[in-house]
C-alpha atoms as a PDB file:
ATOM      1  CA  UNK A   1      28.080  39.879  57.497  1.00  0.00           C
ATOM      2  CA  UNK A   2      31.257  41.220  55.944  1.00  0.00           C
ATOM      3  CA  UNK A   3      33.980  42.151  58.403  1.00  0.00           C
ATOM      4  CA  UNK A   4      37.081  44.066  57.326  1.00  0.00           C
ATOM      5  CA  UNK A   5      39.929  45.614  59.291  1.00  0.00           C
ATOM      6  CA  UNK A   6      40.151  49.395  59.241  1.00  0.00           C
ATOM      7  CA  UNK A   7      43.695  50.561  58.557  1.00  0.00           C
ATOM      8  CA  UNK A   8      45.378  53.911  59.031  1.00  0.00           C
ATOM      9  CA  UNK A   9      47.798  55.621  56.648  1.00  0.00           C
ATOM     10  CA  UNK A  10      50.712  53.614  58.015  1.00  0.00           C
ATOM     11  CA  UNK A  11      48.952  50.313  57.312  1.00  0.00           C
ATOM     12  CA  UNK A  12      48.250  49.501  60.971  1.00  0.00           C
ATOM     13  CA  UNK A  13      44.913  48.009  61.969  1.00  0.00           C
ATOM     14  CA  UNK A  14      42.900  50.471  64.061  1.00  0.00           C
ATOM     15  CA  UNK A  15      39.483  48.843  64.128  1.00  0.00           C
ATOM     16  CA  UNK A  16      36.947  46.672  62.350  1.00  0.00           C
ATOM     17  CA  UNK A  17      34.245  47.584  59.865  1.00  0.00           C
ATOM     18  CA  UNK A  18      31.219  45.288  59.661  1.00  0.00           C
ATOM     19  CA  UNK A  19      28.237  45.627  57.365  1.00  0.00           C
ATOM     20  CA  UNK A  20      25.515  43.589  55.737  1.00  0.00           C
ATOM     21  CA  UNK A  21      26.231  42.804  52.047  1.00  0.00           C
ATOM     22  CA  UNK A  22      22.603  43.654  51.296  1.00  0.00           C
ATOM     23  CA  UNK A  23      23.435  47.277  52.119  1.00  0.00           C
ATOM     24  CA  UNK A  24      25.259  47.419  48.771  1.00  0.00           C
ATOM     25  CA  UNK A  25      23.403  44.930  46.570  1.00  0.00           C
ATOM     26  CA  UNK A  26      21.221  41.810  46.873  1.00  0.00           C
ATOM     27  CA  UNK A  27      23.882  39.813  45.022  1.00  0.00           C
ATOM     28  CA  UNK A  28      26.250  39.854  42.075  1.00  0.00           C
ATOM     29  CA  UNK A  29      24.759  39.329  38.611  1.00  0.00           C
ATOM     30  CA  UNK A  30      27.651  38.681  36.234  1.00  0.00           C
ATOM     31  CA  UNK A  31      25.510  39.136  33.135  1.00  0.00           C
ATOM     32  CA  UNK A  32      24.370  42.584  34.241  1.00  0.00           C
ATOM     33  CA  UNK A  33      27.953  43.590  35.026  1.00  0.00           C
ATOM     34  CA  UNK A  34      29.038  42.382  31.587  1.00  0.00           C
ATOM     35  CA  UNK A  35      26.267  44.304  29.833  1.00  0.00           C
ATOM     36  CA  UNK A  36      27.073  47.532  31.670  1.00  0.00           C
ATOM     37  CA  UNK A  37      30.830  47.265  31.050  1.00  0.00           C
ATOM     38  CA  UNK A  38      30.176  46.667  27.343  1.00  0.00           C
ATOM     39  CA  UNK A  39      27.972  49.780  27.327  1.00  0.00           C
ATOM     40  CA  UNK A  40      30.735  51.905  28.881  1.00  0.00           C
ATOM     41  CA  UNK A  41      33.295  50.529  26.424  1.00  0.00           C
ATOM     42  CA  UNK A  42      30.978  51.278  23.491  1.00  0.00           C
ATOM     43  CA  UNK A  43      30.435  54.823  24.755  1.00  0.00           C
ATOM     44  CA  UNK A  44      34.214  55.341  24.830  1.00  0.00           C
ATOM     45  CA  UNK A  45      34.544  54.569  21.123  1.00  0.00           C
ATOM     46  CA  UNK A  46      35.167  57.681  19.044  1.00  0.00           C
ATOM     47  CA  UNK A  47      33.781  56.422  15.738  1.00  0.00           C
ATOM     48  CA  UNK A  48      35.377  59.176  13.644  1.00  0.00           C
ATOM     49  CA  UNK A  49      37.241  56.944  11.156  1.00  0.00           C
ATOM     50  CA  UNK A  50      35.959  57.557   7.638  1.00  0.00           C
ATOM     51  CA  UNK A  51      36.962  57.320   3.992  1.00  0.00           C
ATOM     52  CA  UNK A  52      35.819  59.365   1.014  1.00  0.00           C
ATOM     53  CA  UNK A  53      33.333  57.999  -1.454  1.00  0.00           C
ATOM     54  CA  UNK A  54      33.527  58.884  -5.147  1.00  0.00           C
ATOM     55  CA  UNK A  55      31.158  61.770  -4.513  1.00  0.00           C
ATOM     56  CA  UNK A  56      33.484  63.291  -1.899  1.00  0.00           C
ATOM     57  CA  UNK A  57      36.778  63.069  -3.800  1.00  0.00           C
ATOM     58  CA  UNK A  58      37.911  66.326  -5.419  1.00  0.00           C
ATOM     59  CA  UNK A  59      37.872  66.233  -9.196  1.00  0.00           C
ATOM     60  CA  UNK A  60      35.711  66.616 -12.256  1.00  0.00           C
ATOM     61  CA  UNK A  61      32.851  64.292 -13.172  1.00  0.00           C
ATOM     62  CA  UNK A  62      33.655  64.738 -16.837  1.00  0.00           C
ATOM     63  CA  UNK A  63      34.293  61.619 -18.893  1.00  0.00           C
ATOM     64  CA  UNK A  64      38.070  61.226 -19.327  1.00  0.00           C
ATOM     65  CA  UNK A  65      37.911  60.669 -23.118  1.00  0.00           C
ATOM     66  CA  UNK A  66      35.386  59.677 -25.735  1.00  0.00           C
ATOM     67  CA  UNK A  67      33.727  56.302 -25.622  1.00  0.00           C
ATOM     68  CA  UNK A  68      34.915  54.950 -28.971  1.00  0.00           C
ATOM     69  CA  UNK A  69      37.740  55.332 -31.411  1.00  0.00           C
ATOM     70  CA  UNK A  70      40.704  55.621 -29.019  1.00  0.00           C
ATOM     71  CA  UNK A  71      41.618  51.924 -28.846  1.00  0.00           C
ATOM     72  CA  UNK A  72      41.546  52.028 -25.061  1.00  0.00           C
ATOM     73  CA  UNK A  73      39.091  50.599 -22.596  1.00  0.00           C
ATOM     74  CA  UNK A  74      36.002  52.596 -21.843  1.00  0.00           C
ATOM     75  CA  UNK A  75      36.500  55.051 -18.979  1.00  0.00           C
ATOM     76  CA  UNK A  76      34.280  57.361 -17.006  1.00  0.00           C
ATOM     77  CA  UNK A  77      35.216  59.980 -14.423  1.00  0.00           C
ATOM     78  CA  UNK A  78      38.574  60.090 -12.613  1.00  0.00           C
ATOM     79  CA  UNK A  79      36.845  59.728  -9.254  1.00  0.00           C
ATOM     80  CA  UNK A  80      35.691  56.177  -9.925  1.00  0.00           C
ATOM     81  CA  UNK A  81      36.773  53.653  -7.228  1.00  0.00           C
ATOM     82  CA  UNK A  82      38.680  51.516  -9.762  1.00  0.00           C
ATOM     83  CA  UNK A  83      41.243  54.270 -10.374  1.00  0.00           C
ATOM     84  CA  UNK A  84      44.075  55.404  -8.132  1.00  0.00           C
ATOM     85  CA  UNK A  85      43.068  58.469  -6.141  1.00  0.00           C
ATOM     86  CA  UNK A  86      39.393  57.745  -6.600  1.00  0.00           C
ATOM     87  CA  UNK A  87      36.756  57.182  -3.962  1.00  0.00           C
ATOM     88  CA  UNK A  88      36.391  54.063  -1.826  1.00  0.00           C
ATOM     89  CA  UNK A  89      33.600  51.600  -2.515  1.00  0.00           C
ATOM     90  CA  UNK A  90      31.497  50.971   0.600  1.00  0.00           C
ATOM     91  CA  UNK A  91      34.024  52.899   2.692  1.00  0.00           C
ATOM     92  CA  UNK A  92      33.812  53.634   6.399  1.00  0.00           C
ATOM     93  CA  UNK A  93      31.608  56.468   7.568  1.00  0.00           C
ATOM     94  CA  UNK A  94      31.462  58.255  10.926  1.00  0.00           C
ATOM     95  CA  UNK A  95      29.384  56.333  13.421  1.00  0.00           C
ATOM     96  CA  UNK A  96      28.032  56.833  16.916  1.00  0.00           C
ATOM     97  CA  UNK A  97      28.433  53.632  18.939  1.00  0.00           C
ATOM     98  CA  UNK A  98      26.982  54.997  22.187  1.00  0.00           C
ATOM     99  CA  UNK A  99      23.811  53.724  23.823  1.00  0.00           C
ATOM    100  CA  UNK A 100      22.320  53.686  27.286  1.00  0.00           C
ATOM    101  CA  UNK A 101      20.945  50.932  29.478  1.00  0.00           C
ATOM    102  CA  UNK A 102      18.148  51.697  31.966  1.00  0.00           C
ATOM    103  CA  UNK A 103      19.307  54.023  34.732  1.00  0.00           C
ATOM    104  CA  UNK A 104      18.251  51.637  37.489  1.00  0.00           C
ATOM    105  CA  UNK A 105      20.231  48.801  35.904  1.00  0.00           C
ATOM    106  CA  UNK A 106      23.364  50.939  35.667  1.00  0.00           C
ATOM    107  CA  UNK A 107      23.075  52.023  39.301  1.00  0.00           C
ATOM    108  CA  UNK A 108      22.503  48.449  40.467  1.00  0.00           C
ATOM    109  CA  UNK A 109      25.529  47.273  38.466  1.00  0.00           C
ATOM    110  CA  UNK A 110      27.699  49.839  40.261  1.00  0.00           C
ATOM    111  CA  UNK A 111      26.628  48.525  43.644  1.00  0.00           C
ATOM    112  CA  UNK A 112      27.141  44.928  42.490  1.00  0.00           C
ATOM    113  CA  UNK A 113      30.645  45.798  41.314  1.00  0.00           C
ATOM    114  CA  UNK A 114      31.410  47.292  44.729  1.00  0.00           C
ATOM    115  CA  UNK A 115      30.067  44.200  46.483  1.00  0.00           C
ATOM    116  CA  UNK A 116      32.186  41.947  44.273  1.00  0.00           C
ATOM    117  CA  UNK A 117      35.346  43.729  45.434  1.00  0.00           C
ATOM    118  CA  UNK A 118      34.545  42.952  49.063  1.00  0.00           C
ATOM    119  CA  UNK A 119      33.572  39.348  48.325  1.00  0.00           C
ATOM    120  CA  UNK A 120      36.776  38.783  46.324  1.00  0.00           C
ATOM    121  CA  UNK A 121      39.022  40.243  48.997  1.00  0.00           C
ATOM    122  CA  UNK A 122      40.108  43.152  46.808  1.00  0.00           C
ATOM    123  CA  UNK A 123      38.865  45.946  49.074  1.00  0.00           C
ATOM    124  CA  UNK A 124      40.742  47.849  51.788  1.00  0.00           C
ATOM    125  CA  UNK A 125      39.043  50.196  54.250  1.00  0.00           C
ATOM    126  CA  UNK A 126      41.057  53.261  55.228  1.00  0.00           C
ATOM    127  CA  UNK A 127      40.372  55.177  58.435  1.00  0.00           C
ATOM    128  CA  UNK A 128      40.770  58.597  56.796  1.00  0.00           C
ATOM    129  CA  UNK A 129      42.897  60.313  54.195  1.00  0.00           C
ATOM    130  CA  UNK A 130      43.549  64.031  53.943  1.00  0.00           C
ATOM    131  CA  UNK A 131      46.295  66.315  52.696  1.00  0.00           C
ATOM    132  CA  UNK A 132      46.936  69.985  53.372  1.00  0.00           C
ATOM    133  CA  UNK A 133      48.225  70.592  49.848  1.00  0.00           C
ATOM    134  CA  UNK A 134      48.803  68.540  46.687  1.00  0.00           C
ATOM    135  CA  UNK A 135      51.531  66.079  47.703  1.00  0.00           C
ATOM    136  CA  UNK A 136      51.999  62.973  45.596  1.00  0.00           C
ATOM    137  CA  UNK A 137      54.500  61.630  48.116  1.00  0.00           C
ATOM    138  CA  UNK A 138      51.825  61.346  50.816  1.00  0.00           C
ATOM    139  CA  UNK A 139      49.393  59.296  48.724  1.00  0.00           C
ATOM    140  CA  UNK A 140      52.210  57.170  47.315  1.00  0.00           C
ATOM    141  CA  UNK A 141      53.370  56.441  50.851  1.00  0.00           C
ATOM    142  CA  UNK A 142      49.885  55.328  51.904  1.00  0.00           C
ATOM    143  CA  UNK A 143      49.639  52.945  48.952  1.00  0.00           C
ATOM    144  CA  UNK A 144      53.079  51.561  49.767  1.00  0.00           C
ATOM    145  CA  UNK A 145      52.150  51.001  53.415  1.00  0.00           C
ATOM    146  CA  UNK A 146      48.988  49.151  52.398  1.00  0.00           C
ATOM    147  CA  UNK A 147      50.784  47.050  49.777  1.00  0.00           C
ATOM    148  CA  UNK A 148      48.793  48.549  46.902  1.00  0.00           C
ATOM    149  CA  UNK A 149      51.608  50.348  45.113  1.00  0.00           C
ATOM    150  CA  UNK A 150      52.269  47.557  42.599  1.00  0.00           C
ATOM    151  CA  UNK A 151      48.661  47.075  41.447  1.00  0.00           C
ATOM    152  CA  UNK A 152      46.046  49.232  39.799  1.00  0.00           C
ATOM    153  CA  UNK A 153      43.889  50.839  42.455  1.00  0.00           C
ATOM    154  CA  UNK A 154      40.719  52.891  42.734  1.00  0.00           C
ATOM    155  CA  UNK A 155      40.649  55.289  45.675  1.00  0.00           C
ATOM    156  CA  UNK A 156      37.129  56.241  46.736  1.00  0.00           C
ATOM    157  CA  UNK A 157      36.715  59.289  48.972  1.00  0.00           C
ATOM    158  CA  UNK A 158      33.548  60.663  50.546  1.00  0.00           C
ATOM    159  CA  UNK A 159      33.492  63.898  48.554  1.00  0.00           C
ATOM    160  CA  UNK A 160      35.476  65.719  45.895  1.00  0.00           C
ATOM    161  CA  UNK A 161      38.841  66.960  47.154  1.00  0.00           C
ATOM    162  CA  UNK A 162      41.015  68.800  44.655  1.00  0.00           C
ATOM    163  CA  UNK A 163      44.166  68.357  46.769  1.00  0.00           C
ATOM    164  CA  UNK A 164      43.730  64.582  46.933  1.00  0.00           C
ATOM    165  CA  UNK A 165      42.945  64.407  43.236  1.00  0.00           C
ATOM    166  CA  UNK A 166      46.088  66.360  42.358  1.00  0.00           C
ATOM    167  CA  UNK A 167      48.111  64.240  44.764  1.00  0.00           C
ATOM    168  CA  UNK A 168      47.101  61.038  43.006  1.00  0.00           C
ATOM    169  CA  UNK A 169      46.935  62.025  39.347  1.00  0.00           C
ATOM    170  CA  UNK A 170      50.667  61.464  38.751  1.00  0.00           C
ATOM    171  CA  UNK A 171      50.636  57.953  40.236  1.00  0.00           C
ATOM    172  CA  UNK A 172      50.443  55.271  37.584  1.00  0.00           C
ATOM    173  CA  UNK A 173      47.360  53.019  37.728  1.00  0.00           C
ATOM    174  CA  UNK A 174      45.697  55.057  40.482  1.00  0.00           C
ATOM    175  CA  UNK A 175      42.293  56.637  40.028  1.00  0.00           C
ATOM    176  CA  UNK A 176      40.735  58.918  42.635  1.00  0.00           C
ATOM    177  CA  UNK A 177      36.973  59.314  42.639  1.00  0.00           C
ATOM    178  CA  UNK A 178      34.295  60.647  45.004  1.00  0.00           C
ATOM    179  CA  UNK A 179      31.825  58.031  46.187  1.00  0.00           C
ATOM    180  CA  UNK A 180      28.988  59.717  44.288  1.00  0.00           C
ATOM    181  CA  UNK A 181      30.855  59.446  40.958  1.00  0.00           C
ATOM    182  CA  UNK A 182      31.704  55.735  41.079  1.00  0.00           C
ATOM    183  CA  UNK A 183      30.546  53.496  38.259  1.00  0.00           C
ATOM    184  CA  UNK A 184      30.810  49.781  37.529  1.00  0.00           C
ATOM    185  CA  UNK A 185      33.388  50.254  34.778  1.00  0.00           C
ATOM    186  CA  UNK A 186      35.890  52.128  36.972  1.00  0.00           C
ATOM    187  CA  UNK A 187      35.366  49.771  39.912  1.00  0.00           C
ATOM    188  CA  UNK A 188      35.953  46.616  37.879  1.00  0.00           C
ATOM    189  CA  UNK A 189      38.773  48.031  35.769  1.00  0.00           C
ATOM    190  CA  UNK A 190      41.056  48.666  38.753  1.00  0.00           C
ATOM    191  CA  UNK A 191      42.400  45.599  40.540  1.00  0.00           C
ATOM    192  CA  UNK A 192      42.170  46.928  44.098  1.00  0.00           C
ATOM    193  CA  UNK A 193      39.530  49.094  45.753  1.00  0.00           C
ATOM    194  CA  UNK A 194      40.676  51.459  48.509  1.00  0.00           C
ATOM    195  CA  UNK A 195      37.829  53.244  50.250  1.00  0.00           C
ATOM    196  CA  UNK A 196      37.760  55.574  53.215  1.00  0.00           C
ATOM    197  CA  UNK A 197      35.421  54.776  56.090  1.00  0.00           C
ATOM    198  CA  UNK A 198      33.387  57.926  55.430  1.00  0.00           C
ATOM    199  CA  UNK A 199      33.023  57.033  51.741  1.00  0.00           C
ATOM    200  CA  UNK A 200      31.871  53.494  52.567  1.00  0.00           C
ATOM    201  CA  UNK A 201      29.290  54.915  54.965  1.00  0.00           C
ATOM    202  CA  UNK A 202      28.008  57.125  52.182  1.00  0.00           C
ATOM    203  CA  UNK A 203      27.878  54.196  49.727  1.00  0.00           C
ATOM    204  CA  UNK A 204      25.847  52.186  52.233  1.00  0.00           C
ATOM    205  CA  UNK A 205      23.535  55.129  52.765  1.00  0.00           C
ATOM    206  CA  UNK A 206      24.235  55.574  56.471  1.00  0.00           C
ATOM    207  CA  UNK A 207      25.389  58.650  58.326  1.00  0.00           C
ATOM    208  CA  UNK A 208      29.018  58.798  59.397  1.00  0.00           C
ATOM    209  CA  UNK A 209      29.489  58.009  63.062  1.00  0.00           C
END
């Protein structure tokens, strides 16, 4: 069993949260996590760098001057790669680096990434977090009280809340995400994982008490 203290917005312990690790994942497979993170990184690549070949460079294809009788070396068109301003030989072309792993593998990797945060002591359970209006000061104060203001942090909430999202978007190294939108890349990229009790219940697939 994993047992973690539940803290309020001031950082005080107000209870204990216990759950079976199997509720999240049967274990942590480092190879699967690596494969999924590599997939997300590949999908982030733009792949728009390109150079022009001799067929794409503007200019005539006419031979520059006659073959013989000039005393100069033989020359073809101006767009040849050996001349300045010509095309590039075997140049870069636009490329799509994206690919997808099986959906079940990606979902399992997300749950394994979550489990790894709890096993490594990088997870904090928050009693609840709500704001009446977008206020960065409130969220920043919670992070400061929990000692998470100097590290990158992922805040997981039970459902999308525009006020919370706006409150956290100006804080460096903080990412706010609903529990349903979590993925292995975001979980592993941030050093600390801050999750509300309601969001953790939803991740475990149990109803909130």
